[in-house]
Amino acid sequence: RALALGSFSQSGVYANHQDIGPNYSGILLGISNTGAAIPGIIGVALTGFILDTTGSWNLVFAIAVFFYLVGTVVYNALGTGEKV
């Protein structure tokens, strides 16, 4: 259920690139996907370190929730569909 509900946050991510820069939407998507892949790479090592250190998932999930909420707030505050 969490995965299905989390997909609602991704509903406009691809369309937004075409809205803000139709001539450069492929480049914009490449840049944003590269930026989005970096936390996925670092997160695996960080999760392993936290679990080895604390033996608990509580801090792992707290960090995930924190970044998810910060991303939501930043996107809602700064996100736009206006052409640049």
Foldseek 3Di string as FASTA:
>chain_A
DVVVVVCVVVVCVLVLLCLAEVVCSVVVVVVVVVVVVVCVVVLVVVQVVCCVVPVDCVVVVVVVVVVVVVVVVCCVVPPDSHHD
